[in-house]
N, C-alpha and C. Protein backbone atom coordinates (compact mmCIF):
# COMPACT_ATOMS: atom_id res chain seq x y z
N MET A 1 78.36 105.52 185.40
CA MET A 1 79.37 105.16 184.95
C MET A 1 79.35 103.92 185.05
N THR A 2 79.87 103.02 183.28
CA THR A 2 80.09 101.73 183.24
C THR A 2 81.38 101.44 183.85
N ALA A 3 81.16 99.86 184.11
CA ALA A 3 82.59 99.68 184.39
C ALA A 3 83.94 98.66 183.36
N GLY A 4 83.04 99.11 182.54
CA GLY A 4 83.63 98.65 180.23
C GLY A 4 83.07 99.19 179.62
N HIS A 5 83.82 98.49 178.49
CA HIS A 5 82.44 98.41 177.18
C HIS A 5 83.43 97.31 176.65
N LEU A 6 81.85 96.69 176.45
CA LEU A 6 82.94 95.28 175.61
C LEU A 6 82.23 94.78 173.94
N GLN A 7 83.32 94.69 173.16
CA GLN A 7 82.29 94.40 171.53
C GLN A 7 82.39 92.46 171.91
N ILE A 8 81.20 92.60 171.11
CA ILE A 8 81.28 90.91 170.94
C ILE A 8 81.67 90.96 169.31
N VAL A 9 82.08 90.48 168.91
CA VAL A 9 82.12 89.67 167.58
C VAL A 9 81.30 88.42 167.20
N VAL A 10 80.34 87.73 166.71
CA VAL A 10 79.45 87.00 166.59
C VAL A 10 79.24 85.58 165.21
N CYS A 11 79.91 85.10 165.37
CA CYS A 11 80.28 84.15 163.95
C CYS A 11 78.78 83.26 163.28
N GLY A 12 78.61 83.15 162.22
CA GLY A 12 77.33 82.13 162.34
C GLY A 12 77.61 80.95 163.01
N ALA A 13 76.96 80.50 163.85
CA ALA A 13 77.07 79.29 164.43
C ALA A 13 75.62 78.90 165.21
N GLY A 14 75.21 78.48 165.44
CA GLY A 14 73.74 78.25 166.23
C GLY A 14 73.98 78.95 167.63
N PRO A 15 74.71 78.92 168.32
CA PRO A 15 74.59 79.16 169.53
C PRO A 15 74.70 81.22 169.35
N ALA A 16 75.12 81.76 167.87
CA ALA A 16 74.46 83.31 168.23
C ALA A 16 73.18 83.66 167.96
N THR A 17 72.23 83.38 167.88
CA THR A 17 70.63 82.41 168.30
C THR A 17 70.73 83.76 169.75
N ASP A 18 71.56 82.78 170.50
CA ASP A 18 71.42 83.45 171.66
C ASP A 18 72.55 84.38 172.56
N VAL A 19 73.01 85.30 171.55
CA VAL A 19 74.39 86.14 172.26
C VAL A 19 73.29 87.34 173.05
N THR A 20 72.15 87.05 172.85
CA THR A 20 71.64 88.19 174.18
C THR A 20 72.03 88.18 175.33
N GLN A 21 72.51 86.44 175.58
CA GLN A 21 72.20 86.14 177.12
C GLN A 21 73.70 87.04 177.18
N LEU A 22 74.80 87.04 176.39
CA LEU A 22 76.47 87.33 176.92
C LEU A 22 75.65 89.72 177.13
N ILE A 23 75.42 89.88 176.74
CA ILE A 23 74.77 91.69 176.28
C ILE A 23 74.23 91.57 177.53
N ALA A 24 73.20 90.38 177.94
CA ALA A 24 72.80 90.33 179.15
C ALA A 24 73.60 90.67 181.00
N THR A 25 73.99 89.96 180.61
CA THR A 25 75.26 89.36 181.42
C THR A 25 75.85 90.58 181.45
N ALA A 26 76.75 91.19 180.45
CA ALA A 26 77.80 92.40 180.68
C ALA A 26 77.08 93.42 181.21
N LYS A 27 75.26 93.74 180.81
CA LYS A 27 74.30 94.96 181.63
C LYS A 27 74.16 94.35 183.18
N GLN A 28 74.04 93.79 183.52
CA GLN A 28 74.28 92.73 184.48
C GLN A 28 75.22 93.72 185.36
N ARG A 29 76.09 94.06 185.02
CA ARG A 29 77.31 94.67 185.09
C ARG A 29 77.87 94.95 185.53
N SER A 30 77.13 96.08 185.01
CA SER A 30 76.83 98.11 184.68
C SER A 30 78.52 97.54 183.33
N TRP A 31 78.13 96.71 182.12
CA TRP A 31 79.02 97.10 181.18
C TRP A 31 78.07 97.50 179.96
N THR A 32 78.89 98.84 179.16
CA THR A 32 77.84 98.69 177.52
C THR A 32 78.24 97.60 176.94
N ALA A 33 77.69 97.09 176.11
CA ALA A 33 77.92 95.97 174.68
C ALA A 33 77.59 96.71 173.65
N ALA A 34 78.22 96.64 172.23
CA ALA A 34 77.52 96.28 170.78
C ALA A 34 78.44 95.63 170.43
N VAL A 35 78.40 94.71 168.65
CA VAL A 35 77.76 93.37 168.49
C VAL A 35 78.28 94.32 166.96
N THR A 36 79.09 93.08 166.97
CA THR A 36 79.30 93.38 165.30
C THR A 36 80.14 91.62 164.55
N ALA A 37 78.79 91.61 163.56
CA ALA A 37 78.55 90.42 163.11
C ALA A 37 79.56 89.98 161.42
N THR A 38 79.59 88.47 161.62
CA THR A 38 80.55 87.77 160.56
C THR A 38 79.16 87.96 159.64
N PRO A 39 79.34 88.09 158.12
CA PRO A 39 78.31 88.11 157.10
C PRO A 39 77.49 86.71 156.93
N SER A 40 77.72 85.78 157.43
CA SER A 40 77.13 84.52 158.18
C SER A 40 76.59 84.61 159.70
N ALA A 41 76.47 85.57 160.37
CA ALA A 41 76.18 85.46 161.42
C ALA A 41 74.44 85.95 161.47
N ILE A 42 75.10 87.17 160.64
CA ILE A 42 73.80 88.16 160.22
C ILE A 42 72.48 87.12 160.08
N ASP A 43 72.36 85.97 158.96
CA ASP A 43 70.69 85.27 159.29
C ASP A 43 70.87 84.12 160.40
N PHE A 44 71.20 84.66 161.58
CA PHE A 44 71.73 83.87 163.02
C PHE A 44 70.98 84.54 164.06
N ILE A 45 71.08 85.80 164.09
CA ILE A 45 70.42 86.96 165.31
C ILE A 45 69.39 87.52 165.01
N ASN A 46 68.62 88.15 165.48
CA ASN A 46 67.71 89.23 166.08
C ASN A 46 68.18 90.39 165.90
N THR A 47 68.16 91.10 165.09
CA THR A 47 69.44 92.35 165.07
C THR A 47 68.70 93.39 165.94
N GLU A 48 66.72 93.83 164.98
CA GLU A 48 66.66 94.20 166.32
C GLU A 48 66.39 94.51 167.75
N THR A 49 66.32 93.32 168.23
CA THR A 49 66.49 92.26 170.04
C THR A 49 67.33 93.24 169.97
N ILE A 50 68.63 92.88 168.94
CA ILE A 50 70.55 93.21 169.51
C ILE A 50 70.40 94.71 169.59
N GLU A 51 69.92 95.14 169.06
CA GLU A 51 70.56 97.00 168.48
C GLU A 51 69.10 97.38 169.76
N THR A 52 67.97 97.19 170.76
CA THR A 52 67.54 97.44 171.51
C THR A 52 68.76 97.83 172.51
N MET A 53 68.77 96.02 173.04
CA MET A 53 69.75 95.88 174.13
C MET A 53 71.26 96.62 174.38
N THR A 54 70.80 96.55 173.53
CA THR A 54 73.38 97.24 173.30
C THR A 54 72.58 98.66 173.20
N GLY A 55 71.89 99.64 172.06
CA GLY A 55 71.60 100.91 172.06
C GLY A 55 72.12 101.55 170.78
N HIS A 56 72.56 100.49 170.21
CA HIS A 56 74.36 100.35 169.06
C HIS A 56 73.21 99.99 167.95
N PRO A 57 74.01 100.27 166.48
CA PRO A 57 73.64 99.52 165.13
C PRO A 57 74.98 98.27 165.38
N ILE A 58 74.18 97.10 164.82
CA ILE A 58 75.09 95.59 164.40
C ILE A 58 75.79 96.28 163.48
N ARG A 59 77.19 96.52 163.58
CA ARG A 59 77.63 96.55 162.39
C ARG A 59 78.70 95.35 161.63
N PHE A 60 78.42 95.55 160.43
CA PHE A 60 79.04 93.94 159.69
C PHE A 60 79.26 94.29 158.07
N THR A 61 79.18 95.33 158.38
CA THR A 61 80.50 96.10 156.96
C THR A 61 81.22 97.66 157.47
N TYR A 62 82.01 97.88 156.24
CA TYR A 62 82.85 98.65 155.89
C TYR A 62 81.79 100.00 156.30
N GLN A 63 80.95 100.16 155.92
CA GLN A 63 80.20 101.60 155.65
C GLN A 63 80.57 102.93 156.84
N THR A 64 81.21 103.71 157.39
CA THR A 64 81.49 104.53 157.96
C THR A 64 79.84 105.22 158.28
N SER A 65 80.14 105.68 159.52
CA SER A 65 78.79 106.55 160.51
C SER A 65 78.63 107.80 159.86
N PRO A 66 77.98 108.03 159.95
CA PRO A 66 77.65 109.79 160.00
C PRO A 66 78.72 110.88 160.99
N GLY A 67 78.94 111.72 159.36
CA GLY A 67 80.42 111.89 159.63
C GLY A 67 81.16 111.48 159.75
N GLY A 68 81.82 110.42 159.90
CA GLY A 68 82.65 109.51 159.76
C GLY A 68 83.00 109.31 161.04
N ARG A 69 82.46 109.81 162.24
CA ARG A 69 82.93 109.34 163.62
C ARG A 69 83.11 108.25 164.31
N ARG A 70 83.64 107.76 165.72
CA ARG A 70 83.29 107.44 165.72
C ARG A 70 82.37 107.09 166.66
N THR A 71 81.43 106.15 166.36
CA THR A 71 80.09 106.03 167.74
C THR A 71 79.84 104.57 168.63
N LEU A 72 80.91 104.40 169.05
CA LEU A 72 81.02 103.51 170.17
C LEU A 72 82.47 103.72 171.09
N PRO A 73 82.18 103.24 172.34
CA PRO A 73 83.68 103.63 173.43
C PRO A 73 84.48 102.54 172.42
N ALA A 74 85.37 102.51 173.02
CA ALA A 74 86.51 101.68 173.04
C ALA A 74 86.68 100.70 173.72
N PRO A 75 86.88 99.37 172.61
CA PRO A 75 86.55 98.34 173.74
C PRO A 75 87.50 98.38 174.65
N ASP A 76 87.36 98.22 176.18
CA ASP A 76 88.04 97.30 177.15
C ASP A 76 88.23 96.26 177.39
N ALA A 77 87.49 94.75 176.39
CA ALA A 77 87.60 93.76 176.14
C ALA A 77 86.70 93.00 174.94
N LEU A 78 87.37 92.23 174.20
CA LEU A 78 86.20 91.71 173.46
C LEU A 78 86.25 89.45 173.70
N VAL A 79 85.26 89.41 172.95
CA VAL A 79 84.55 88.53 173.17
C VAL A 79 83.98 87.77 171.55
N ILE A 80 84.85 87.32 171.09
CA ILE A 80 84.61 86.37 170.06
C ILE A 80 83.66 85.13 170.02
N ALA A 81 81.83 85.28 170.19
CA ALA A 81 81.74 84.16 170.55
C ALA A 81 79.95 83.65 169.63
N PRO A 82 80.01 83.06 169.47
CA PRO A 82 80.21 81.50 169.02
C PRO A 82 81.47 82.00 167.87
N ALA A 83 82.42 81.25 167.80
CA ALA A 83 83.80 81.00 166.97
C ALA A 83 83.57 80.20 166.57
N THR A 84 83.41 80.08 164.94
CA THR A 84 83.71 78.92 163.75
C THR A 84 85.24 78.68 163.79
N TYR A 85 85.35 77.28 162.98
CA TYR A 85 86.05 76.98 163.03
C TYR A 85 86.90 77.41 161.78
N ASN A 86 86.05 78.37 160.65
CA ASN A 86 86.65 79.17 159.65
C ASN A 86 87.59 79.91 160.74
N SER A 87 86.36 80.61 160.95
CA SER A 87 86.48 82.02 162.02
C SER A 87 88.18 82.35 162.89
N ILE A 88 88.08 80.76 163.62
CA ILE A 88 89.71 80.65 164.70
C ILE A 88 90.67 80.68 163.21
N ASN A 89 90.52 79.97 162.32
CA ASN A 89 91.64 79.57 161.87
C ASN A 89 92.01 81.00 161.21
N LYS A 90 90.78 81.87 160.15
CA LYS A 90 91.10 83.39 159.50
C LYS A 90 91.75 84.15 160.19
N ILE A 91 91.43 83.87 161.96
CA ILE A 91 92.12 85.07 162.86
C ILE A 91 93.05 84.68 163.18
N ALA A 92 93.98 83.62 163.53
CA ALA A 92 95.20 82.93 163.46
C ALA A 92 96.01 83.59 162.36
N LEU A 93 95.22 83.68 161.40
CA LEU A 93 96.51 83.49 159.99
C LEU A 93 96.39 84.91 159.45
N GLY A 94 95.65 86.16 160.37
CA GLY A 94 95.34 88.02 159.94
C GLY A 94 94.68 87.72 159.15
N ILE A 95 93.72 86.65 158.61
CA ILE A 95 93.06 87.29 157.23
C ILE A 95 91.78 87.69 157.72
N ALA A 96 91.32 89.05 157.25
CA ALA A 96 90.53 89.99 157.63
C ALA A 96 89.47 90.49 156.27
N ASP A 97 89.07 89.63 155.96
CA ASP A 97 88.43 89.01 154.52
C ASP A 97 86.83 90.19 154.83
N ASN A 98 86.25 90.51 155.96
CA ASN A 98 85.11 91.40 156.29
C ASN A 98 85.70 91.88 157.54
N TYR A 99 84.20 93.17 157.68
CA TYR A 99 84.01 94.10 158.50
C TYR A 99 84.74 93.37 159.90
N ALA A 100 84.65 92.11 160.06
CA ALA A 100 84.24 91.34 162.18
C ALA A 100 85.74 90.99 162.72
N MET A 101 86.22 90.32 160.84
CA MET A 101 88.12 89.73 160.96
C MET A 101 88.49 91.03 161.25
N THR A 102 88.37 92.33 160.15
CA THR A 102 89.42 93.57 160.68
C THR A 102 89.56 94.16 161.55
N SER A 103 88.50 94.44 162.65
CA SER A 103 88.32 94.52 164.17
C SER A 103 88.69 93.56 164.56
N VAL A 104 88.19 92.24 164.05
CA VAL A 104 89.08 91.39 165.38
C VAL A 104 90.38 91.19 165.45
N ALA A 105 91.48 91.68 164.12
CA ALA A 105 92.63 91.57 163.93
C ALA A 105 93.16 92.84 164.71
N GLU A 106 92.03 94.00 164.46
CA GLU A 106 92.48 95.03 164.81
C GLU A 106 92.84 95.40 166.25
N LEU A 107 91.48 94.69 166.84
CA LEU A 107 91.76 94.35 168.53
C LEU A 107 92.38 93.63 169.23
N ILE A 108 93.11 92.90 168.45
CA ILE A 108 94.20 91.58 168.82
C ILE A 108 95.47 92.25 169.26
N GLY A 109 95.81 93.43 168.20
CA GLY A 109 96.61 93.64 167.66
C GLY A 109 97.26 95.16 168.93
N ARG A 110 96.57 95.72 169.16
CA ARG A 110 96.14 96.81 170.50
C ARG A 110 95.75 96.40 171.49
N GLN A 111 95.90 95.05 171.78
CA GLN A 111 96.26 94.17 172.62
C GLN A 111 95.07 95.00 173.37
N VAL A 112 93.71 95.14 172.83
CA VAL A 112 92.60 94.50 173.96
C VAL A 112 92.29 92.86 174.68
N PRO A 113 92.11 92.80 176.07
CA PRO A 113 91.83 92.06 176.00
C PRO A 113 90.83 91.04 175.72
N ALA A 114 90.98 89.26 174.87
CA ALA A 114 90.72 89.46 173.71
C ALA A 114 89.79 88.49 174.17
N VAL A 115 89.10 87.41 174.23
CA VAL A 115 88.55 86.16 174.74
C VAL A 115 87.52 85.22 173.77
N ILE A 116 88.16 84.43 172.67
CA ILE A 116 87.86 83.39 172.30
C ILE A 116 86.68 82.24 172.19
N VAL A 117 85.54 82.05 171.95
CA VAL A 117 84.65 80.89 172.67
C VAL A 117 84.39 80.57 171.57
N PRO A 118 84.74 78.93 170.97
CA PRO A 118 84.59 77.91 169.53
C PRO A 118 83.71 77.44 169.85
N PHE A 119 83.14 76.96 168.65
CA PHE A 119 81.62 76.27 168.36
C PHE A 119 82.32 75.28 167.32
N VAL A 120 82.97 73.95 167.89
CA VAL A 120 83.61 73.83 166.55
C VAL A 120 83.22 71.84 167.39
N ASN A 121 83.20 71.46 166.14
CA ASN A 121 82.92 69.71 166.85
C ASN A 121 83.89 69.34 166.60
N ALA A 122 84.00 68.02 167.15
CA ALA A 122 85.42 67.00 168.26
C ALA A 122 87.05 67.09 166.76
N ALA A 123 85.63 66.18 165.08
CA ALA A 123 86.38 65.99 164.19
C ALA A 123 87.36 67.24 163.59
N LEU A 124 86.48 68.40 163.42
CA LEU A 124 87.36 69.67 163.07
C LEU A 124 88.15 70.20 164.09
N ALA A 125 88.40 70.06 164.98
CA ALA A 125 89.30 70.42 165.76
C ALA A 125 90.47 69.54 166.49
N THR A 126 90.48 68.52 165.92
CA THR A 126 91.44 67.85 165.96
C THR A 126 92.41 68.04 164.63
N ARG A 127 91.85 68.71 163.43
CA ARG A 127 92.59 69.46 162.79
C ARG A 127 94.08 70.17 162.50
N ALA A 128 94.96 69.79 161.95
CA ALA A 128 96.62 70.16 162.34
C ALA A 128 96.28 72.13 162.79
N PRO A 129 95.88 72.27 161.27
CA PRO A 129 94.89 73.51 161.06
C PRO A 129 94.79 73.83 162.56
N PHE A 130 93.29 73.54 163.25
CA PHE A 130 92.61 74.75 164.14
C PHE A 130 94.02 74.34 164.70
N GLN A 131 94.58 73.53 165.20
CA GLN A 131 95.18 73.07 166.70
C GLN A 131 95.97 74.62 166.38
N ARG A 132 97.05 74.24 165.07
CA ARG A 132 97.99 75.48 165.46
C ARG A 132 97.02 77.04 165.56
N ALA A 133 96.04 77.08 164.80
CA ALA A 133 95.64 78.19 165.21
C ALA A 133 94.92 78.46 166.69
N VAL A 134 94.86 77.68 167.25
CA VAL A 134 94.20 78.01 169.18
C VAL A 134 95.78 77.99 169.95
N ALA A 135 97.16 77.42 169.21
CA ALA A 135 98.16 77.69 170.25
C ALA A 135 98.85 78.47 169.79
N ASP A 136 98.58 79.19 168.04
CA ASP A 136 98.87 80.99 167.89
C ASP A 136 98.45 81.86 168.65
N LEU A 137 97.13 81.41 168.22
CA LEU A 137 96.16 83.44 169.25
C LEU A 137 96.30 83.19 170.63
N ARG A 138 96.82 82.07 171.31
CA ARG A 138 96.95 81.82 173.01
C ARG A 138 98.01 82.48 172.80
N HIS A 139 99.28 82.08 172.09
CA HIS A 139 101.05 82.44 172.54
C HIS A 139 101.21 84.29 172.00
N GLU A 140 99.82 84.47 171.56
CA GLU A 140 99.22 86.22 171.06
C GLU A 140 98.44 87.23 172.90
N HIS A 141 98.40 85.68 173.50
CA HIS A 141 97.68 86.35 174.53
C HIS A 141 95.66 86.32 174.65
N VAL A 142 95.88 85.77 173.61
CA VAL A 142 94.02 85.59 173.84
C VAL A 142 93.50 84.47 174.55
N ARG A 143 92.85 84.39 175.05
CA ARG A 143 92.57 83.64 175.64
C ARG A 143 91.01 82.39 174.89
N ILE A 144 91.93 81.60 174.96
CA ILE A 144 90.60 80.69 174.72
C ILE A 144 89.55 79.47 175.60
N LEU A 145 88.40 79.73 175.32
CA LEU A 145 88.40 78.95 176.21
C LEU A 145 87.44 77.06 175.70
N LEU A 146 88.72 76.09 175.93
CA LEU A 146 88.56 75.25 174.71
C LEU A 146 89.05 74.05 176.33
N GLY A 147 88.86 73.94 176.34
CA GLY A 147 89.74 71.91 176.61
C GLY A 147 88.86 71.65 178.39
N GLU A 148 89.45 71.11 178.83
CA GLU A 148 88.89 70.49 180.28
C GLU A 148 89.26 71.35 181.37
N ASP A 149 89.75 72.36 181.48
CA ASP A 149 90.55 72.98 182.66
C ASP A 149 88.93 74.03 182.28
N ASP A 150 88.50 74.45 180.92
CA ASP A 150 87.40 75.77 180.73
C ASP A 150 86.28 74.73 180.97
N GLY A 151 86.05 73.69 181.17
CA GLY A 151 84.64 72.95 180.91
C GLY A 151 83.73 72.75 179.76
N TRP A 152 84.43 73.40 179.01
CA TRP A 152 83.91 73.52 177.40
C TRP A 152 84.73 72.62 175.80
N GLU A 153 84.46 71.66 175.70
CA GLU A 153 84.96 70.66 174.70
C GLU A 153 83.84 71.13 173.79
N PRO A 154 85.36 70.11 173.00
CA PRO A 154 84.23 70.46 170.94
C PRO A 154 82.94 69.19 171.14
N HIS A 155 81.75 69.56 170.57
CA HIS A 155 81.19 68.56 170.35
C HIS A 155 81.24 67.64 169.67
N PRO A 156 80.27 66.23 169.52
CA PRO A 156 80.42 65.27 168.70
C PRO A 156 80.15 65.66 167.37
N PRO A 157 80.30 65.20 166.38
CA PRO A 157 79.76 65.76 165.07
C PRO A 157 78.30 65.44 164.83
N GLY A 158 77.55 66.15 164.09
CA GLY A 158 75.54 65.69 164.81
C GLY A 158 74.75 66.24 165.63
N SER A 159 76.13 66.38 166.96
CA SER A 159 75.45 67.01 167.91
C SER A 159 75.21 68.12 168.62
N GLY A 160 75.92 69.44 167.51
CA GLY A 160 76.00 70.66 167.83
C GLY A 160 74.82 71.47 168.16
N ASN A 161 73.04 71.01 167.74
CA ASN A 161 72.10 71.30 168.54
C ASN A 161 71.49 71.35 170.00
N ASP A 162 72.16 70.72 170.71
CA ASP A 162 72.30 69.99 171.96
C ASP A 162 73.05 71.26 172.82
N ARG A 163 74.09 71.01 171.55
CA ARG A 163 75.50 71.14 172.70
C ARG A 163 75.35 73.27 172.52
N GLN A 164 74.26 73.47 171.39
CA GLN A 164 73.43 75.37 171.72
C GLN A 164 73.37 75.73 172.39
N LYS A 165 72.67 74.84 173.76
CA LYS A 165 71.47 75.20 174.51
C LYS A 165 72.67 75.57 176.60
N VAL A 166 74.23 75.00 175.65
CA VAL A 166 74.93 74.99 177.72
C VAL A 166 76.05 75.33 177.21
N PHE A 167 75.97 76.75 176.00
CA PHE A 167 77.10 77.11 175.56
C PHE A 167 77.35 78.36 176.39
N PRO A 168 79.20 78.61 176.79
CA PRO A 168 78.82 79.56 178.10
C PRO A 168 79.42 80.86 177.92
N TRP A 169 77.78 81.50 177.62
CA TRP A 169 78.41 82.84 177.49
C TRP A 169 78.61 83.55 178.88
N THR A 170 77.74 82.96 180.22
CA THR A 170 78.31 83.80 181.32
C THR A 170 80.21 83.88 181.59
N ALA A 171 80.53 82.12 181.10
CA ALA A 171 82.30 82.35 181.84
C ALA A 171 82.36 82.96 180.29
N ALA A 172 82.16 83.09 179.60
CA ALA A 172 82.89 84.29 178.84
C ALA A 172 83.17 85.49 179.37
N PHE A 173 81.55 85.66 179.41
CA PHE A 173 82.20 87.79 179.93
C PHE A 173 82.67 87.14 181.63
N GLU A 174 82.36 86.16 182.16
CA GLU A 174 83.48 86.73 183.65
C GLU A 174 85.12 86.39 182.68
N THR A 175 85.83 85.51 181.87
CA THR A 175 86.79 85.25 181.77
C THR A 175 87.02 86.96 180.95
N ALA A 176 86.50 87.72 179.96
CA ALA A 176 86.78 89.10 179.90
C ALA A 176 87.03 90.49 180.80
N ALA A 177 85.95 90.04 181.85
CA ALA A 177 86.44 90.81 182.65
C ALA A 177 86.93 90.92 183.28
N ARG A 178 87.36 89.29 183.71
CA ARG A 178 88.74 88.96 184.55
C ARG A 178 90.14 89.91 184.02
N LEU A 179 89.80 89.67 183.03
CA LEU A 179 91.21 89.85 181.71
C LEU A 179 91.67 91.51 181.50
N VAL A 180 90.46 91.71 182.11
CA VAL A 180 90.60 93.50 181.55
C VAL A 180 91.12 93.89 183.39
N HIS A 181 90.47 93.29 184.64
CA HIS A 181 90.54 93.58 185.57
C HIS A 181 92.18 93.75 185.73
N GLN A 182 92.73 91.93 185.73
CA GLN A 182 94.25 91.84 185.20
C GLN A 182 94.97 93.08 184.86
N SER A 183 94.39 93.44 184.08
CA SER A 183 95.53 94.61 182.39
C SER A 183 94.77 96.01 183.34
N ARG A 184 94.50 95.81 184.26
CA ARG A 184 94.49 97.62 184.39
C ARG A 184 95.10 97.44 185.85
N ALA A 185 95.26 96.08 186.10
CA ALA A 185 96.12 96.06 187.82
C ALA A 185 97.38 96.87 187.18
N VAL A 186 98.12 95.76 186.53
CA VAL A 186 99.02 95.50 185.49
C VAL A 186 99.57 97.36 185.11
N ALA A 187 98.93 97.99 184.61
CA ALA A 187 98.85 99.06 184.55
C ALA A 187 99.15 99.87 185.48
N SER A 188 98.33 99.72 186.42
CA SER A 188 98.49 101.19 187.75
C SER A 188 99.44 100.39 188.40
N ASP A 189 99.75 99.20 188.77
CA ASP A 189 101.31 98.78 188.99
C ASP A 189 102.33 99.85 188.14
N GLN A 190 102.65 99.65 187.36
CA GLN A 190 103.12 100.62 186.08
C GLN A 190 103.17 102.66 186.43
N ASP A 191 102.49 102.43 186.76
CA ASP A 191 102.24 103.96 186.85
C ASP A 191 102.76 104.38 187.65
């Protein structure tokens, strides 16, 4: 029996190469996982390794599965990591111009516990559109790991390679699992 199913959405940024750390963390805690990738993320990830670890193909297009049936369990939690400046702004505005963004929009709309871990530099993070996007997503109860309290700050421009090594994969999973636990507790209290 699994503790839950984690849907991971990977965006095209350096830490995407290490998404296997998130998958491994989920598996160690008896969760299953599946990965959806933005078009830009495909160039960053090792699809064969990810598919072997998850037991599921990476989704990145609208192509239906054989027989048109759902091949993945319904997600208990969603982690979008690394989330780029562009993707965070799209998610907040509801722009669903690719399969990954459509999936994210739907899961947030279905109130699946969601965690976003941005990978942006400080110059981009100071932009008003980004700050509005973060505020809007938090208003929709999306948990964004960003700021001093989360121990994850935007990096100085040009230092992304160094920050990639300390990307908070474990914190992303633990936050998602905690949100699921909280939502299950609320649901059982309402029964």
